[in-house]
PDB file of N, CA and C in Angstrom:
ATOM      1  N   MET A   1     -19.680 -42.510  18.865  1.00  0.00           N
ATOM      2  CA  MET A   1     -18.428 -42.180  18.229  1.00  0.00           C
ATOM      3  C   MET A   1     -18.646 -41.232  17.043  1.00  0.00           C
ATOM      4  N   LYS A   2     -19.685 -41.527  16.220  1.00  0.00           N
ATOM      5  CA  LYS A   2     -19.963 -40.669  15.074  1.00  0.00           C
ATOM      6  C   LYS A   2     -20.353 -39.265  15.523  1.00  0.00           C
ATOM      7  N   THR A   3     -21.138 -39.198  16.597  1.00  0.00           N
ATOM      8  CA  THR A   3     -21.584 -37.901  17.101  1.00  0.00           C
ATOM      9  C   THR A   3     -20.394 -37.074  17.569  1.00  0.00           C
ATOM     10  N   THR A   4     -19.469 -37.699  18.276  1.00  0.00           N
ATOM     11  CA  THR A   4     -18.286 -36.994  18.761  1.00  0.00           C
ATOM     12  C   THR A   4     -17.438 -36.506  17.589  1.00  0.00           C
ATOM     13  N   SER A   5     -17.252 -37.336  16.588  1.00  0.00           N
ATOM     14  CA  SER A   5     -16.465 -36.952  15.410  1.00  0.00           C
ATOM     15  C   SER A   5     -17.107 -35.772  14.688  1.00  0.00           C
ATOM     16  N   LYS A   6     -18.431 -35.809  14.553  1.00  0.00           N
ATOM     17  CA  LYS A   6     -19.141 -34.714  13.886  1.00  0.00           C
ATOM     18  C   LYS A   6     -19.022 -33.422  14.695  1.00  0.00           C
ATOM     19  N   LEU A   7     -19.103 -33.544  16.012  1.00  0.00           N
ATOM     20  CA  LEU A   7     -18.989 -32.373  16.879  1.00  0.00           C
ATOM     21  C   LEU A   7     -17.597 -31.754  16.755  1.00  0.00           C
ATOM     22  N   ILE A   8     -16.571 -32.584  16.806  1.00  0.00           N
ATOM     23  CA  ILE A   8     -15.199 -32.085  16.696  1.00  0.00           C
ATOM     24  C   ILE A   8     -14.982 -31.433  15.332  1.00  0.00           C
ATOM     25  N   LEU A   9     -15.459 -32.068  14.276  1.00  0.00           N
ATOM     26  CA  LEU A   9     -15.328 -31.506  12.934  1.00  0.00           C
ATOM     27  C   LEU A   9     -16.063 -30.164  12.834  1.00  0.00           C
ATOM     28  N   GLY A  10     -17.265 -30.099  13.389  1.00  0.00           N
ATOM     29  CA  GLY A  10     -18.040 -28.856  13.370  1.00  0.00           C
ATOM     30  C   GLY A  10     -17.342 -27.735  14.122  1.00  0.00           C
ATOM     31  N   LEU A  11     -16.785 -28.040  15.284  1.00  0.00           N
ATOM     32  CA  LEU A  11     -16.067 -27.026  16.064  1.00  0.00           C
ATOM     33  C   LEU A  11     -14.805 -26.561  15.341  1.00  0.00           C
ATOM     34  N   ALA A  12     -14.105 -27.496  14.713  1.00  0.00           N
ATOM     35  CA  ALA A  12     -12.897 -27.133  13.966  1.00  0.00           C
ATOM     36  C   ALA A  12     -13.240 -26.209  12.798  1.00  0.00           C
ATOM     37  N   LEU A  13     -14.306 -26.518  12.077  1.00  0.00           N
ATOM     38  CA  LEU A  13     -14.724 -25.666  10.960  1.00  0.00           C
ATOM     39  C   LEU A  13     -15.157 -24.285  11.442  1.00  0.00           C
ATOM     40  N   ALA A  14     -15.916 -24.252  12.529  1.00  0.00           N
ATOM     41  CA  ALA A  14     -16.358 -22.962  13.083  1.00  0.00           C
ATOM     42  C   ALA A  14     -15.154 -22.136  13.523  1.00  0.00           C
ATOM     43  N   GLY A  15     -14.195 -22.764  14.163  1.00  0.00           N
ATOM     44  CA  GLY A  15     -12.991 -22.058  14.604  1.00  0.00           C
ATOM     45  C   GLY A  15     -12.186 -21.508  13.446  1.00  0.00           C
ATOM     46  N   SER A  16     -12.080 -22.278  12.371  1.00  0.00           N
ATOM     47  CA  SER A  16     -11.318 -21.801  11.209  1.00  0.00           C
ATOM     48  C   SER A  16     -12.019 -20.628  10.536  1.00  0.00           C
ATOM     49  N   MET A  17     -13.346 -20.616  10.530  1.00  0.00           N
ATOM     50  CA  MET A  17     -14.078 -19.493   9.942  1.00  0.00           C
ATOM     51  C   MET A  17     -13.903 -18.243  10.793  1.00  0.00           C
ATOM     52  N   LEU A  18     -13.922 -18.382  12.102  1.00  0.00           N
ATOM     53  CA  LEU A  18     -13.755 -17.226  12.976  1.00  0.00           C
ATOM     54  C   LEU A  18     -12.345 -16.670  12.889  1.00  0.00           C
ATOM     55  N   ALA A  19     -11.362 -17.533  12.713  1.00  0.00           N
ATOM     56  CA  ALA A  19      -9.981 -17.064  12.598  1.00  0.00           C
ATOM     57  C   ALA A  19      -9.825 -16.154  11.384  1.00  0.00           C
ATOM     58  N   GLY A  20     -10.546 -16.426  10.311  1.00  0.00           N
ATOM     59  CA  GLY A  20     -10.483 -15.587   9.120  1.00  0.00           C
ATOM     60  C   GLY A  20     -11.144 -14.236   9.313  1.00  0.00           C
ATOM     61  N   CYS A  21     -11.982 -14.098  10.315  1.00  0.00           N
ATOM     62  CA  CYS A  21     -12.680 -12.840  10.574  1.00  0.00           C
ATOM     63  C   CYS A  21     -11.825 -11.851  11.351  1.00  0.00           C
ATOM     64  N   ALA A  22     -10.730 -12.305  11.917  1.00  0.00           N
ATOM     65  CA  ALA A  22      -9.905 -11.446  12.755  1.00  0.00           C
ATOM     66  C   ALA A  22      -9.459 -10.210  11.992  1.00  0.00           C
ATOM     67  N   GLY A  23      -8.933 -10.382  10.784  1.00  0.00           N
ATOM     68  CA  GLY A  23      -8.626  -9.264   9.916  1.00  0.00           C
ATOM     69  C   GLY A  23      -7.435  -8.419  10.281  1.00  0.00           C
ATOM     70  N   SER A  24      -6.678  -8.741  11.295  1.00  0.00           N
ATOM     71  CA  SER A  24      -5.501  -7.964  11.649  1.00  0.00           C
ATOM     72  C   SER A  24      -4.253  -8.700  11.189  1.00  0.00           C
ATOM     73  N   TYR A  25      -3.719  -8.260  10.057  1.00  0.00           N
ATOM     74  CA  TYR A  25      -2.489  -8.830   9.525  1.00  0.00           C
ATOM     75  C   TYR A  25      -1.392  -7.805   9.741  1.00  0.00           C
ATOM     76  N   TYR A  26      -0.335  -8.202  10.393  1.00  0.00           N
ATOM     77  CA  TYR A  26       0.737  -7.283  10.750  1.00  0.00           C
ATOM     78  C   TYR A  26       1.842  -7.272   9.703  1.00  0.00           C
ATOM     79  N   VAL A  27       2.413  -6.082   9.484  1.00  0.00           N
ATOM     80  CA  VAL A  27       3.582  -5.922   8.624  1.00  0.00           C
ATOM     81  C   VAL A  27       4.609  -5.095   9.384  1.00  0.00           C
ATOM     82  N   ALA A  28       5.884  -5.287   9.053  1.00  0.00           N
ATOM     83  CA  ALA A  28       6.954  -4.578   9.761  1.00  0.00           C
ATOM     84  C   ALA A  28       6.901  -3.074   9.504  1.00  0.00           C
ATOM     85  N   GLU A  29       6.572  -2.678   8.269  1.00  0.00           N
ATOM     86  CA  GLU A  29       6.493  -1.259   7.911  1.00  0.00           C
ATOM     87  C   GLU A  29       5.190  -0.984   7.172  1.00  0.00           C
ATOM     88  N   GLN A  30       4.677   0.218   7.361  1.00  0.00           N
ATOM     89  CA  GLN A  30       3.452   0.602   6.660  1.00  0.00           C
ATOM     90  C   GLN A  30       3.739   0.712   5.165  1.00  0.00           C
ATOM     91  N   PRO A  31       2.880   0.164   4.318  1.00  0.00           N
ATOM     92  CA  PRO A  31       3.068   0.367   2.877  1.00  0.00           C
ATOM     93  C   PRO A  31       2.882   1.847   2.528  1.00  0.00           C
ATOM     94  N   VAL A  32       3.522   2.273   1.466  1.00  0.00           N
ATOM     95  CA  VAL A  32       3.410   3.663   1.024  1.00  0.00           C
ATOM     96  C   VAL A  32       2.129   3.817   0.213  1.00  0.00           C
ATOM     97  N   GLU A  33       1.328   4.805   0.593  1.00  0.00           N
ATOM     98  CA  GLU A  33       0.067   5.044  -0.125  1.00  0.00           C
ATOM     99  C   GLU A  33       0.360   5.645  -1.493  1.00  0.00           C
ATOM    100  N   PRO A  34      -0.229   5.086  -2.546  1.00  0.00           N
ATOM    101  CA  PRO A  34       0.005   5.647  -3.880  1.00  0.00           C
ATOM    102  C   PRO A  34      -0.529   7.075  -3.979  1.00  0.00           C
ATOM    103  N   VAL A  35       0.104   7.863  -4.820  1.00  0.00           N
ATOM    104  CA  VAL A  35      -0.339   9.240  -5.033  1.00  0.00           C
ATOM    105  C   VAL A  35      -1.315   9.253  -6.208  1.00  0.00           C
ATOM    106  N   TYR A  36      -2.486   9.813  -5.980  1.00  0.00           N
ATOM    107  CA  TYR A  36      -3.454   9.966  -7.063  1.00  0.00           C
ATOM    108  C   TYR A  36      -4.290  11.197  -6.780  1.00  0.00           C
ATOM    109  N   THR A  37      -4.902  11.732  -7.810  1.00  0.00           N
ATOM    110  CA  THR A  37      -5.706  12.940  -7.682  1.00  0.00           C
ATOM    111  C   THR A  37      -7.150  12.561  -7.414  1.00  0.00           C
ATOM    112  N   ARG A  38      -7.689  13.131  -6.347  1.00  0.00           N
ATOM    113  CA  ARG A  38      -9.098  12.886  -6.029  1.00  0.00           C
ATOM    114  C   ARG A  38      -9.959  13.572  -7.089  1.00  0.00           C
ATOM    115  N   PRO A  39     -10.869  12.851  -7.711  1.00  0.00           N
ATOM    116  CA  PRO A  39     -11.723  13.482  -8.721  1.00  0.00           C
ATOM    117  C   PRO A  39     -12.682  14.497  -8.087  1.00  0.00           C
ATOM    118  N   VAL A  40     -13.199  15.373  -8.910  1.00  0.00           N
ATOM    119  CA  VAL A  40     -14.166  16.371  -8.457  1.00  0.00           C
ATOM    120  C   VAL A  40     -15.442  15.651  -8.020  1.00  0.00           C
ATOM    121  N   ALA A  41     -16.073  16.165  -6.965  1.00  0.00           N
ATOM    122  CA  ALA A  41     -17.321  15.557  -6.473  1.00  0.00           C
ATOM    123  C   ALA A  41     -18.365  15.529  -7.587  1.00  0.00           C
ATOM    124  N   PRO A  42     -19.047  14.408  -7.765  1.00  0.00           N
ATOM    125  CA  PRO A  42     -20.024  14.292  -8.851  1.00  0.00           C
ATOM    126  C   PRO A  42     -21.308  15.079  -8.606  1.00  0.00           C
ATOM    127  N   TYR A  43     -21.574  15.428  -7.360  1.00  0.00           N
ATOM    128  CA  TYR A  43     -22.770  16.194  -7.017  1.00  0.00           C
ATOM    129  C   TYR A  43     -22.550  16.827  -5.650  1.00  0.00           C
ATOM    130  N   GLU A  44     -23.334  17.848  -5.362  1.00  0.00           N
ATOM    131  CA  GLU A  44     -23.208  18.550  -4.092  1.00  0.00           C
ATOM    132  C   GLU A  44     -23.611  17.631  -2.942  1.00  0.00           C
ATOM    133  N   GLY A  45     -22.837  17.653  -1.876  1.00  0.00           N
ATOM    134  CA  GLY A  45     -23.141  16.840  -0.701  1.00  0.00           C
ATOM    135  C   GLY A  45     -22.520  15.453  -0.730  1.00  0.00           C
ATOM    136  N   ALA A  46     -21.823  15.105  -1.816  1.00  0.00           N
ATOM    137  CA  ALA A  46     -21.182  13.788  -1.894  1.00  0.00           C
ATOM    138  C   ALA A  46     -20.096  13.678  -0.821  1.00  0.00           C
ATOM    139  N   VAL A  47     -19.902  12.485  -0.305  1.00  0.00           N
ATOM    140  CA  VAL A  47     -18.907  12.236   0.743  1.00  0.00           C
ATOM    141  C   VAL A  47     -17.761  11.424   0.150  1.00  0.00           C
ATOM    142  N   TRP A  48     -16.531  11.857   0.417  1.00  0.00           N
ATOM    143  CA  TRP A  48     -15.358  11.136  -0.057  1.00  0.00           C
ATOM    144  C   TRP A  48     -15.024  10.013   0.920  1.00  0.00           C
ATOM    145  N   VAL A  49     -15.044   8.781   0.421  1.00  0.00           N
ATOM    146  CA  VAL A  49     -14.638   7.614   1.202  1.00  0.00           C
ATOM    147  C   VAL A  49     -13.194   7.344   0.800  1.00  0.00           C
ATOM    148  N   SER A  50     -12.289   7.560   1.734  1.00  0.00           N
ATOM    149  CA  SER A  50     -10.863   7.453   1.427  1.00  0.00           C
ATOM    150  C   SER A  50     -10.462   6.036   1.035  1.00  0.00           C
ATOM    151  N   GLY A  51      -9.310   5.930   0.381  1.00  0.00           N
ATOM    152  CA  GLY A  51      -8.799   4.634  -0.052  1.00  0.00           C
ATOM    153  C   GLY A  51      -8.591   3.682   1.117  1.00  0.00           C
ATOM    154  N   GLU A  52      -8.623   2.399   0.812  1.00  0.00           N
ATOM    155  CA  GLU A  52      -8.501   1.355   1.839  1.00  0.00           C
ATOM    156  C   GLU A  52      -7.409   0.364   1.462  1.00  0.00           C
ATOM    157  N   TRP A  53      -6.828  -0.244   2.473  1.00  0.00           N
ATOM    158  CA  TRP A  53      -5.870  -1.329   2.299  1.00  0.00           C
ATOM    159  C   TRP A  53      -6.574  -2.634   2.628  1.00  0.00           C
ATOM    160  N   SER A  54      -6.397  -3.638   1.766  1.00  0.00           N
ATOM    161  CA  SER A  54      -6.981  -4.967   1.984  1.00  0.00           C
ATOM    162  C   SER A  54      -5.861  -5.993   1.945  1.00  0.00           C
ATOM    163  N   TRP A  55      -5.991  -7.036   2.745  1.00  0.00           N
ATOM    164  CA  TRP A  55      -5.002  -8.100   2.770  1.00  0.00           C
ATOM    165  C   TRP A  55      -5.358  -9.119   1.693  1.00  0.00           C
ATOM    166  N   ARG A  56      -4.495  -9.252   0.686  1.00  0.00           N
ATOM    167  CA  ARG A  56      -4.715 -10.214  -0.401  1.00  0.00           C
ATOM    168  C   ARG A  56      -3.382 -10.827  -0.812  1.00  0.00           C
ATOM    169  N   GLY A  57      -3.375 -12.123  -0.962  1.00  0.00           N
ATOM    170  CA  GLY A  57      -2.177 -12.800  -1.447  1.00  0.00           C
ATOM    171  C   GLY A  57      -0.962 -12.613  -0.565  1.00  0.00           C
ATOM    172  N   GLY A  58      -1.173 -12.490   0.742  1.00  0.00           N
ATOM    173  CA  GLY A  58      -0.058 -12.354   1.674  1.00  0.00           C
ATOM    174  C   GLY A  58       0.531 -10.962   1.771  1.00  0.00           C
ATOM    175  N   ARG A  59      -0.199  -9.952   1.281  1.00  0.00           N
ATOM    176  CA  ARG A  59       0.282  -8.570   1.390  1.00  0.00           C
ATOM    177  C   ARG A  59      -0.907  -7.615   1.357  1.00  0.00           C
ATOM    178  N   TYR A  60      -0.651  -6.361   1.747  1.00  0.00           N
ATOM    179  CA  TYR A  60      -1.689  -5.341   1.682  1.00  0.00           C
ATOM    180  C   TYR A  60      -1.736  -4.753   0.273  1.00  0.00           C
ATOM    181  N   VAL A  61      -2.950  -4.596  -0.249  1.00  0.00           N
ATOM    182  CA  VAL A  61      -3.186  -4.032  -1.578  1.00  0.00           C
ATOM    183  C   VAL A  61      -4.087  -2.813  -1.403  1.00  0.00           C
ATOM    184  N   TYR A  62      -3.737  -1.717  -2.065  1.00  0.00           N
ATOM    185  CA  TYR A  62      -4.482  -0.468  -1.924  1.00  0.00           C
ATOM    186  C   TYR A  62      -5.592  -0.359  -2.964  1.00  0.00           C
ATOM    187  N   THR A  63      -6.753   0.126  -2.526  1.00  0.00           N
ATOM    188  CA  THR A  63      -7.879   0.412  -3.412  1.00  0.00           C
ATOM    189  C   THR A  63      -8.186   1.898  -3.285  1.00  0.00           C
ATOM    190  N   ASN A  64      -8.256   2.605  -4.412  1.00  0.00           N
ATOM    191  CA  ASN A  64      -8.522   4.044  -4.387  1.00  0.00           C
ATOM    192  C   ASN A  64      -9.863   4.365  -3.732  1.00  0.00           C
ATOM    193  N   GLY A  65      -9.965   5.583  -3.223  1.00  0.00           N
ATOM    194  CA  GLY A  65     -11.208   6.052  -2.623  1.00  0.00           C
ATOM    195  C   GLY A  65     -12.259   6.358  -3.686  1.00  0.00           C
ATOM    196  N   TYR A  66     -13.429   6.764  -3.226  1.00  0.00           N
ATOM    197  CA  TYR A  66     -14.535   7.045  -4.150  1.00  0.00           C
ATOM    198  C   TYR A  66     -15.534   7.981  -3.478  1.00  0.00           C
ATOM    199  N   TRP A  67     -16.362   8.608  -4.290  1.00  0.00           N
ATOM    200  CA  TRP A  67     -17.438   9.465  -3.801  1.00  0.00           C
ATOM    201  C   TRP A  67     -18.695   8.624  -3.612  1.00  0.00           C
ATOM    202  N   THR A  68     -19.468   8.945  -2.582  1.00  0.00           N
ATOM    203  CA  THR A  68     -20.718   8.230  -2.340  1.00  0.00           C
ATOM    204  C   THR A  68     -21.733   9.175  -1.711  1.00  0.00           C
ATOM    205  N   ARG A  69     -22.952   8.713  -1.649  1.00  0.00           N
ATOM    206  CA  ARG A  69     -24.006   9.502  -0.995  1.00  0.00           C
ATOM    207  C   ARG A  69     -23.829   9.400   0.519  1.00  0.00           C
ATOM    208  N   PRO A  70     -24.063  10.499   1.225  1.00  0.00           N
ATOM    209  CA  PRO A  70     -23.930  10.439   2.686  1.00  0.00           C
ATOM    210  C   PRO A  70     -25.012   9.564   3.309  1.00  0.00           C
ATOM    211  N   ARG A  71     -24.699   8.964   4.415  1.00  0.00           N
ATOM    212  CA  ARG A  71     -25.691   8.179   5.158  1.00  0.00           C
ATOM    213  C   ARG A  71     -26.329   9.088   6.195  1.00  0.00           C
ATOM    214  N   ASN A  72     -27.598   8.855   6.475  1.00  0.00           N
ATOM    215  CA  ASN A  72     -28.326   9.704   7.420  1.00  0.00           C
ATOM    216  C   ASN A  72     -27.650   9.723   8.786  1.00  0.00           C
ATOM    217  N   ASN A  73     -27.388  10.926   9.270  1.00  0.00           N
ATOM    218  CA  ASN A  73     -26.824  11.146  10.605  1.00  0.00           C
ATOM    219  C   ASN A  73     -25.526  10.378  10.843  1.00  0.00           C
ATOM    220  N   ARG A  74     -24.732  10.170   9.806  1.00  0.00           N
ATOM    221  CA  ARG A  74     -23.463   9.444   9.934  1.00  0.00           C
ATOM    222  C   ARG A  74     -22.340  10.262   9.301  1.00  0.00           C
ATOM    223  N   VAL A  75     -21.124  10.030   9.772  1.00  0.00           N
ATOM    224  CA  VAL A  75     -19.932  10.627   9.169  1.00  0.00           C
ATOM    225  C   VAL A  75     -18.952   9.505   8.849  1.00  0.00           C
ATOM    226  N   TRP A  76     -18.165   9.705   7.797  1.00  0.00           N
ATOM    227  CA  TRP A  76     -17.170   8.710   7.409  1.00  0.00           C
ATOM    228  C   TRP A  76     -15.897   8.933   8.215  1.00  0.00           C
ATOM    229  N   VAL A  77     -15.407   7.880   8.844  1.00  0.00           N
ATOM    230  CA  VAL A  77     -14.146   7.908   9.581  1.00  0.00           C
ATOM    231  C   VAL A  77     -13.144   7.122   8.741  1.00  0.00           C
ATOM    232  N   SER A  78     -12.099   7.791   8.272  1.00  0.00           N
ATOM    233  CA  SER A  78     -11.111   7.146   7.409  1.00  0.00           C
ATOM    234  C   SER A  78     -10.345   6.063   8.149  1.00  0.00           C
ATOM    235  N   GLY A  79      -9.900   5.065   7.406  1.00  0.00           N
ATOM    236  CA  GLY A  79      -9.066   4.014   7.971  1.00  0.00           C
ATOM    237  C   GLY A  79      -7.694   4.570   8.334  1.00  0.00           C
ATOM    238  N   SER A  80      -6.950   3.821   9.122  1.00  0.00           N
ATOM    239  CA  SER A  80      -5.627   4.294   9.534  1.00  0.00           C
ATOM    240  C   SER A  80      -4.723   3.118   9.885  1.00  0.00           C
ATOM    241  N   TRP A  81      -3.431   3.373   9.805  1.00  0.00           N
ATOM    242  CA  TRP A  81      -2.454   2.378  10.232  1.00  0.00           C
ATOM    243  C   TRP A  81      -2.275   2.491  11.734  1.00  0.00           C
ATOM    244  N   GLU A  82      -2.314   1.367  12.408  1.00  0.00           N
ATOM    245  CA  GLU A  82      -2.140   1.316  13.860  1.00  0.00           C
ATOM    246  C   GLU A  82      -0.916   0.471  14.173  1.00  0.00           C
ATOM    247  N   ARG A  83      -0.197   0.878  15.194  1.00  0.00           N
ATOM    248  CA  ARG A  83       0.973   0.107  15.614  1.00  0.00           C
ATOM    249  C   ARG A  83       0.554  -0.844  16.716  1.00  0.00           C
ATOM    250  N   GLY A  84       0.913  -2.099  16.548  1.00  0.00           N
ATOM    251  CA  GLY A  84       0.634  -3.123  17.547  1.00  0.00           C
ATOM    252  C   GLY A  84       1.934  -3.785  17.969  1.00  0.00           C
ATOM    253  N   GLY A  85       1.830  -4.786  18.805  1.00  0.00           N
ATOM    254  CA  GLY A  85       3.014  -5.475  19.295  1.00  0.00           C
ATOM    255  C   GLY A  85       3.803  -6.191  18.214  1.00  0.00           C
ATOM    256  N   ASN A  86       3.141  -6.538  17.108  1.00  0.00           N
ATOM    257  CA  ASN A  86       3.803  -7.292  16.043  1.00  0.00           C
ATOM    258  C   ASN A  86       4.106  -6.446  14.811  1.00  0.00           C
ATOM    259  N   GLY A  87       3.938  -5.148  14.891  1.00  0.00           N
ATOM    260  CA  GLY A  87       4.163  -4.273  13.735  1.00  0.00           C
ATOM    261  C   GLY A  87       2.953  -3.390  13.495  1.00  0.00           C
ATOM    262  N   TYR A  88       2.649  -3.152  12.230  1.00  0.00           N
ATOM    263  CA  TYR A  88       1.531  -2.290  11.853  1.00  0.00           C
ATOM    264  C   TYR A  88       0.401  -3.111  11.249  1.00  0.00           C
ATOM    265  N   TYR A  89      -0.830  -2.656  11.482  1.00  0.00           N
ATOM    266  CA  TYR A  89      -1.995  -3.282  10.856  1.00  0.00           C
ATOM    267  C   TYR A  89      -2.958  -2.179  10.439  1.00  0.00           C
ATOM    268  N   TRP A  90      -3.801  -2.476   9.467  1.00  0.00           N
ATOM    269  CA  TRP A  90      -4.750  -1.500   8.933  1.00  0.00           C
ATOM    270  C   TRP A  90      -6.075  -1.595   9.667  1.00  0.00           C
ATOM    271  N   ARG A  91      -6.536  -0.471  10.201  1.00  0.00           N
ATOM    272  CA  ARG A  91      -7.869  -0.387  10.798  1.00  0.00           C
ATOM    273  C   ARG A  91      -8.777   0.222   9.742  1.00  0.00           C
ATOM    274  N   ARG A  92      -9.749  -0.544   9.291  1.00  0.00           N
ATOM    275  CA  ARG A  92     -10.624  -0.133   8.187  1.00  0.00           C
ATOM    276  C   ARG A  92     -11.443   1.111   8.528  1.00  0.00           C
ATOM    277  N   GLY A  93     -11.748   1.883   7.490  1.00  0.00           N
ATOM    278  CA  GLY A  93     -12.636   3.019   7.656  1.00  0.00           C
ATOM    279  C   GLY A  93     -14.062   2.533   7.903  1.00  0.00           C
ATOM    280  N   HIS A  94     -14.899   3.419   8.457  1.00  0.00           N
ATOM    281  CA  HIS A  94     -16.270   3.012   8.781  1.00  0.00           C
ATOM    282  C   HIS A  94     -17.162   4.242   8.935  1.00  0.00           C
ATOM    283  N   TRP A  95     -18.450   4.009   8.877  1.00  0.00           N
ATOM    284  CA  TRP A  95     -19.435   5.063   9.137  1.00  0.00           C
ATOM    285  C   TRP A  95     -19.712   5.094  10.630  1.00  0.00           C
ATOM    286  N   ARG A  96     -19.718   6.305  11.190  1.00  0.00           N
ATOM    287  CA  ARG A  96     -20.016   6.451  12.617  1.00  0.00           C
ATOM    288  C   ARG A  96     -21.183   7.390  12.768  1.00  0.00           C
TER     289      ARG A  96
END
Protein backbone atom coordinates (compact mmCIF):
# COMPACT_ATOMS: atom_id res chain seq x y z
CA MET A 1 0.00 0.00 0.00
CA LYS A 2 2.82 2.42 0.89
CA THR A 3 4.62 1.64 -2.36
CA THR A 4 1.50 2.34 -4.42
CA SER A 5 0.87 5.63 -2.59
CA LYS A 6 4.47 6.72 -3.15
CA LEU A 7 4.26 5.79 -6.83
CA ILE A 8 1.03 7.74 -7.33
CA LEU A 9 2.45 10.75 -5.48
CA GLY A 10 5.65 10.60 -7.55
CA LEU A 11 3.73 10.42 -10.83
CA ALA A 12 1.48 13.31 -9.79
CA LEU A 13 4.50 15.47 -8.93
CA ALA A 14 6.26 14.58 -12.18
CA GLY A 15 3.12 15.40 -14.16
CA SER A 16 2.71 18.77 -12.47
CA MET A 17 6.34 19.68 -13.23
CA LEU A 18 5.93 18.75 -16.89
CA ALA A 19 2.73 20.77 -17.17
CA GLY A 20 4.71 23.87 -16.16
CA CYS A 21 7.19 23.25 -18.99
CA ALA A 22 4.55 23.58 -21.69
CA GLY A 23 4.99 27.35 -21.81
CA SER A 24 2.14 28.12 -24.20
CA TYR A 25 -0.22 30.56 -22.53
CA TYR A 26 -2.93 31.88 -24.82
CA VAL A 27 -4.38 35.39 -24.89
CA ALA A 28 -7.26 36.73 -26.98
CA GLU A 29 -5.17 39.60 -28.41
CA GLN A 30 -1.45 40.14 -28.81
CA PRO A 31 -0.07 42.63 -26.28
CA VAL A 32 1.30 45.84 -27.77
CA GLU A 33 5.09 45.93 -27.82
CA PRO A 34 6.46 48.97 -26.00
CA VAL A 35 8.34 51.52 -28.09
CA TYR A 36 11.96 52.01 -27.11
CA THR A 37 15.17 53.01 -28.84
CA ARG A 38 17.69 50.27 -29.46
CA PRO A 39 21.03 51.40 -28.02
CA VAL A 40 24.12 51.62 -30.20
CA ALA A 41 26.08 48.35 -30.45
CA PRO A 42 28.75 48.26 -27.74
CA TYR A 43 31.32 46.68 -30.07
CA GLU A 44 31.65 45.54 -33.66
CA GLY A 45 30.01 42.20 -34.39
CA ALA A 46 27.57 42.37 -31.46
CA VAL A 47 24.23 40.63 -32.08
CA TRP A 48 20.92 42.22 -31.09
CA VAL A 49 18.70 39.80 -29.16
CA SER A 50 15.21 41.21 -29.55
CA GLY A 51 12.84 41.76 -26.64
CA GLU A 52 10.89 38.81 -25.25
CA TRP A 53 7.49 38.25 -23.68
CA SER A 54 7.33 36.12 -20.52
CA TRP A 55 4.25 34.81 -18.74
CA ARG A 56 4.21 36.18 -15.17
CA GLY A 57 1.36 36.74 -12.76
CA GLY A 58 -1.29 35.60 -15.22
CA ARG A 59 -0.22 37.91 -18.06
CA TYR A 60 2.56 38.48 -20.58
CA VAL A 61 5.31 40.90 -19.47
CA TYR A 62 7.79 42.41 -21.93
CA THR A 63 11.56 42.47 -21.37
CA ASN A 64 13.66 44.77 -23.57
CA GLY A 65 16.23 43.32 -25.95
CA TYR A 66 19.99 43.49 -25.46
CA TRP A 67 23.30 43.20 -27.28
CA THR A 68 25.38 40.05 -26.87
CA ARG A 69 28.35 38.26 -28.35
CA PRO A 70 27.52 36.07 -31.34
CA ARG A 71 27.59 32.31 -30.89
CA ASN A 72 29.80 30.27 -33.20
CA ASN A 73 28.02 29.33 -36.43
CA ARG A 74 24.64 30.42 -35.02
CA VAL A 75 22.12 33.15 -35.85
CA TRP A 76 19.51 34.68 -33.55
CA VAL A 77 15.90 33.99 -34.55
CA SER A 78 13.57 36.54 -32.93
CA GLY A 79 10.51 35.41 -31.02
CA SER A 80 7.07 35.92 -32.54
CA TRP A 81 3.38 35.82 -31.78
CA GLU A 82 1.67 32.74 -33.19
CA ARG A 83 -2.04 32.20 -33.62
CA GLY A 84 -3.41 28.96 -32.23
CA GLY A 85 -6.85 27.52 -31.69
CA ASN A 86 -7.23 29.32 -28.36
CA GLY A 87 -5.83 32.73 -29.36
CA TYR A 88 -2.25 33.98 -29.50
CA TYR A 89 0.85 32.65 -27.76
CA TRP A 90 4.48 33.77 -27.71
CA ARG A 91 7.10 31.60 -29.40
CA ARG A 92 10.41 32.44 -27.73
CA GLY A 93 13.44 33.56 -29.68
CA HIS A 94 16.35 31.13 -29.99
CA TRP A 95 19.77 30.53 -31.50
CA ARG A 96 19.75 28.43 -34.65
